[in-house]
Amino acid sequence: MADLLPIGSVVSFADSPQKYMIYGRLKQAAESGYVYDYVACPHPWGQTSEEQDVVFDDERIDRLYLTGYQDIEELAFRADIERQYDAIKSGSIYTR
């Protein structure tokens, strides 16, 4: 199980200098049905088109530049989805 990052976190990958801002978690791919840990958009431009978005799993993150906003609602929500993480990733529970 991954310790999911909050919305607004900024990360990069080892194979690219581009930074990405996480704006969603547990995103299901329409074609394959696979549930990725995150969906992100290029930083600093933001989500200008779905074609520029990237979906990825936690292990692809090479560097964390900024941890996103966390309040009591975020912590409770994240605790809930982390409890259900294995079922969500296997596809037995799907959330949008």
C-alpha atoms as a PDB file:
ATOM      1  CA  MET A   1       0.000   0.000   0.000  1.00  0.00           C
ATOM      2  CA  ALA A   2       1.243   3.475  -0.859  1.00  0.00           C
ATOM      3  CA  ASP A   3       1.181   6.465   1.465  1.00  0.00           C
ATOM      4  CA  LEU A   4      -0.708   8.700  -0.939  1.00  0.00           C
ATOM      5  CA  LEU A   5       0.362  12.306  -1.383  1.00  0.00           C
ATOM      6  CA  PRO A   6      -2.181  15.114  -0.990  1.00  0.00           C
ATOM      7  CA  ILE A   7      -3.631  17.111  -3.869  1.00  0.00           C
ATOM      8  CA  GLY A   8      -1.292  19.915  -4.923  1.00  0.00           C
ATOM      9  CA  SER A   9       1.917  17.958  -4.352  1.00  0.00           C
ATOM     10  CA  VAL A  10       4.598  18.624  -6.972  1.00  0.00           C
ATOM     11  CA  VAL A  11       6.769  15.727  -8.145  1.00  0.00           C
ATOM     12  CA  SER A  12       9.112  14.693 -10.946  1.00  0.00           C
ATOM     13  CA  PHE A  13      10.259  11.392 -12.438  1.00  0.00           C
ATOM     14  CA  ALA A  14      13.783  10.059 -12.988  1.00  0.00           C
ATOM     15  CA  ASP A  15      13.273   9.938 -16.776  1.00  0.00           C
ATOM     16  CA  SER A  16      12.102  13.555 -17.172  1.00  0.00           C
ATOM     17  CA  PRO A  17      12.989  17.011 -15.817  1.00  0.00           C
ATOM     18  CA  GLN A  18       9.314  18.080 -16.069  1.00  0.00           C
ATOM     19  CA  LYS A  19       7.555  18.759 -12.766  1.00  0.00           C
ATOM     20  CA  TYR A  20       3.939  17.653 -12.286  1.00  0.00           C
ATOM     21  CA  MET A  21       1.271  18.771  -9.827  1.00  0.00           C
ATOM     22  CA  ILE A  22      -0.973  16.011  -8.499  1.00  0.00           C
ATOM     23  CA  TYR A  23      -4.646  16.907  -8.849  1.00  0.00           C
ATOM     24  CA  GLY A  24      -6.303  13.527  -8.407  1.00  0.00           C
ATOM     25  CA  ARG A  25      -5.788  10.141  -6.831  1.00  0.00           C
ATOM     26  CA  LEU A  26      -6.822   6.613  -7.758  1.00  0.00           C
ATOM     27  CA  LYS A  27      -7.588   7.423 -11.393  1.00  0.00           C
ATOM     28  CA  GLN A  28      -8.986   4.543 -13.432  1.00  0.00           C
ATOM     29  CA  ALA A  29      -7.760   4.309 -17.027  1.00  0.00           C
ATOM     30  CA  ALA A  30     -10.721   4.119 -19.416  1.00  0.00           C
ATOM     31  CA  GLU A  31      -9.036   1.710 -21.826  1.00  0.00           C
ATOM     32  CA  SER A  32      -7.498  -0.836 -19.466  1.00  0.00           C
ATOM     33  CA  GLY A  33      -9.448  -0.313 -16.245  1.00  0.00           C
ATOM     34  CA  TYR A  34      -6.148  -0.124 -14.353  1.00  0.00           C
ATOM     35  CA  VAL A  35      -6.296   2.189 -11.337  1.00  0.00           C
ATOM     36  CA  TYR A  36      -3.283   4.495 -11.100  1.00  0.00           C
ATOM     37  CA  ASP A  37      -2.258   6.111  -7.824  1.00  0.00           C
ATOM     38  CA  TYR A  38      -2.250   9.649  -9.266  1.00  0.00           C
ATOM     39  CA  VAL A  39      -3.250  11.924 -12.112  1.00  0.00           C
ATOM     40  CA  ALA A  40      -1.183  15.077 -12.536  1.00  0.00           C
ATOM     41  CA  CYS A  41      -0.728  18.047 -14.839  1.00  0.00           C
ATOM     42  CA  PRO A  42       2.444  19.847 -15.907  1.00  0.00           C
ATOM     43  CA  HIS A  43       3.729  22.412 -13.433  1.00  0.00           C
ATOM     44  CA  PRO A  44       3.566  25.432 -13.654  1.00  0.00           C
ATOM     45  CA  TRP A  45       1.033  25.473 -16.531  1.00  0.00           C
ATOM     46  CA  GLY A  46      -1.697  23.439 -14.890  1.00  0.00           C
ATOM     47  CA  GLN A  47      -4.377  21.336 -16.536  1.00  0.00           C
ATOM     48  CA  THR A  48      -4.765  22.881 -19.981  1.00  0.00           C
ATOM     49  CA  SER A  49      -5.780  19.684 -21.796  1.00  0.00           C
ATOM     50  CA  GLU A  50      -6.226  16.024 -20.916  1.00  0.00           C
ATOM     51  CA  GLU A  51      -3.533  15.125 -23.456  1.00  0.00           C
ATOM     52  CA  GLN A  52      -0.914  16.744 -21.213  1.00  0.00           C
ATOM     53  CA  ASP A  53      -2.050  14.928 -18.068  1.00  0.00           C
ATOM     54  CA  VAL A  54      -0.042  12.002 -16.810  1.00  0.00           C
ATOM     55  CA  VAL A  55      -1.219   9.040 -14.736  1.00  0.00           C
ATOM     56  CA  PHE A  56       1.290   7.132 -12.639  1.00  0.00           C
ATOM     57  CA  ASP A  57       1.894   5.019  -9.580  1.00  0.00           C
ATOM     58  CA  ASP A  58       3.744   6.099  -6.449  1.00  0.00           C
ATOM     59  CA  GLU A  59       6.901   4.131  -7.250  1.00  0.00           C
ATOM     60  CA  ARG A  60       7.510   6.234 -10.386  1.00  0.00           C
ATOM     61  CA  ILE A  61       8.085   9.383  -8.274  1.00  0.00           C
ATOM     62  CA  ASP A  62      11.763  10.246  -8.139  1.00  0.00           C
ATOM     63  CA  ARG A  63      11.587  13.598  -6.349  1.00  0.00           C
ATOM     64  CA  LEU A  64       9.022  15.397  -4.199  1.00  0.00           C
ATOM     65  CA  TYR A  65       9.321  19.184  -4.458  1.00  0.00           C
ATOM     66  CA  LEU A  66       6.240  20.193  -2.479  1.00  0.00           C
ATOM     67  CA  THR A  67       3.712  18.383  -0.326  1.00  0.00           C
ATOM     68  CA  GLY A  68       0.184  19.613  -1.063  1.00  0.00           C
ATOM     69  CA  TYR A  69      -2.340  21.199   1.266  1.00  0.00           C
ATOM     70  CA  GLN A  70      -3.464  19.093   4.214  1.00  0.00           C
ATOM     71  CA  ASP A  71      -6.273  19.847   6.614  1.00  0.00           C
ATOM     72  CA  ILE A  72      -8.517  17.660   8.752  1.00  0.00           C
ATOM     73  CA  GLU A  73     -10.762  16.789   5.787  1.00  0.00           C
ATOM     74  CA  GLU A  74      -7.783  15.769   3.642  1.00  0.00           C
ATOM     75  CA  LEU A  75      -6.317  13.628   6.410  1.00  0.00           C
ATOM     76  CA  ALA A  76      -9.641  11.851   7.017  1.00  0.00           C
ATOM     77  CA  PHE A  77     -10.261  11.325   3.284  1.00  0.00           C
ATOM     78  CA  ARG A  78      -6.753  10.020   2.685  1.00  0.00           C
ATOM     79  CA  ALA A  79      -6.997   7.658   5.670  1.00  0.00           C
ATOM     80  CA  ASP A  80     -10.244   6.290   4.232  1.00  0.00           C
ATOM     81  CA  ILE A  81      -8.882   5.670   0.728  1.00  0.00           C
ATOM     82  CA  GLU A  82      -5.635   4.250   2.107  1.00  0.00           C
ATOM     83  CA  ARG A  83      -7.669   1.724   4.140  1.00  0.00           C
ATOM     84  CA  GLN A  84      -9.397   0.670   0.911  1.00  0.00           C
ATOM     85  CA  TYR A  85      -6.286   0.983  -1.297  1.00  0.00           C
ATOM     86  CA  ASP A  86      -5.772  -2.716  -2.082  1.00  0.00           C
ATOM     87  CA  ALA A  87      -9.431  -3.238  -3.007  1.00  0.00           C
ATOM     88  CA  ILE A  88      -9.478  -0.086  -5.142  1.00  0.00           C
ATOM     89  CA  LYS A  89      -6.247  -0.998  -6.953  1.00  0.00           C
ATOM     90  CA  SER A  90      -7.506  -4.502  -7.684  1.00  0.00           C
ATOM     91  CA  GLY A  91     -10.679  -3.060  -9.190  1.00  0.00           C
ATOM     92  CA  SER A  92     -13.078  -4.613  -6.673  1.00  0.00           C
ATOM     93  CA  ILE A  93     -13.949  -1.105  -5.467  1.00  0.00           C
ATOM     94  CA  TYR A  94     -13.993   1.772  -7.916  1.00  0.00           C
ATOM     95  CA  THR A  95     -14.228   5.403  -6.878  1.00  0.00           C
ATOM     96  CA  ARG A  96     -14.334   8.503  -9.029  1.00  0.00           C
END
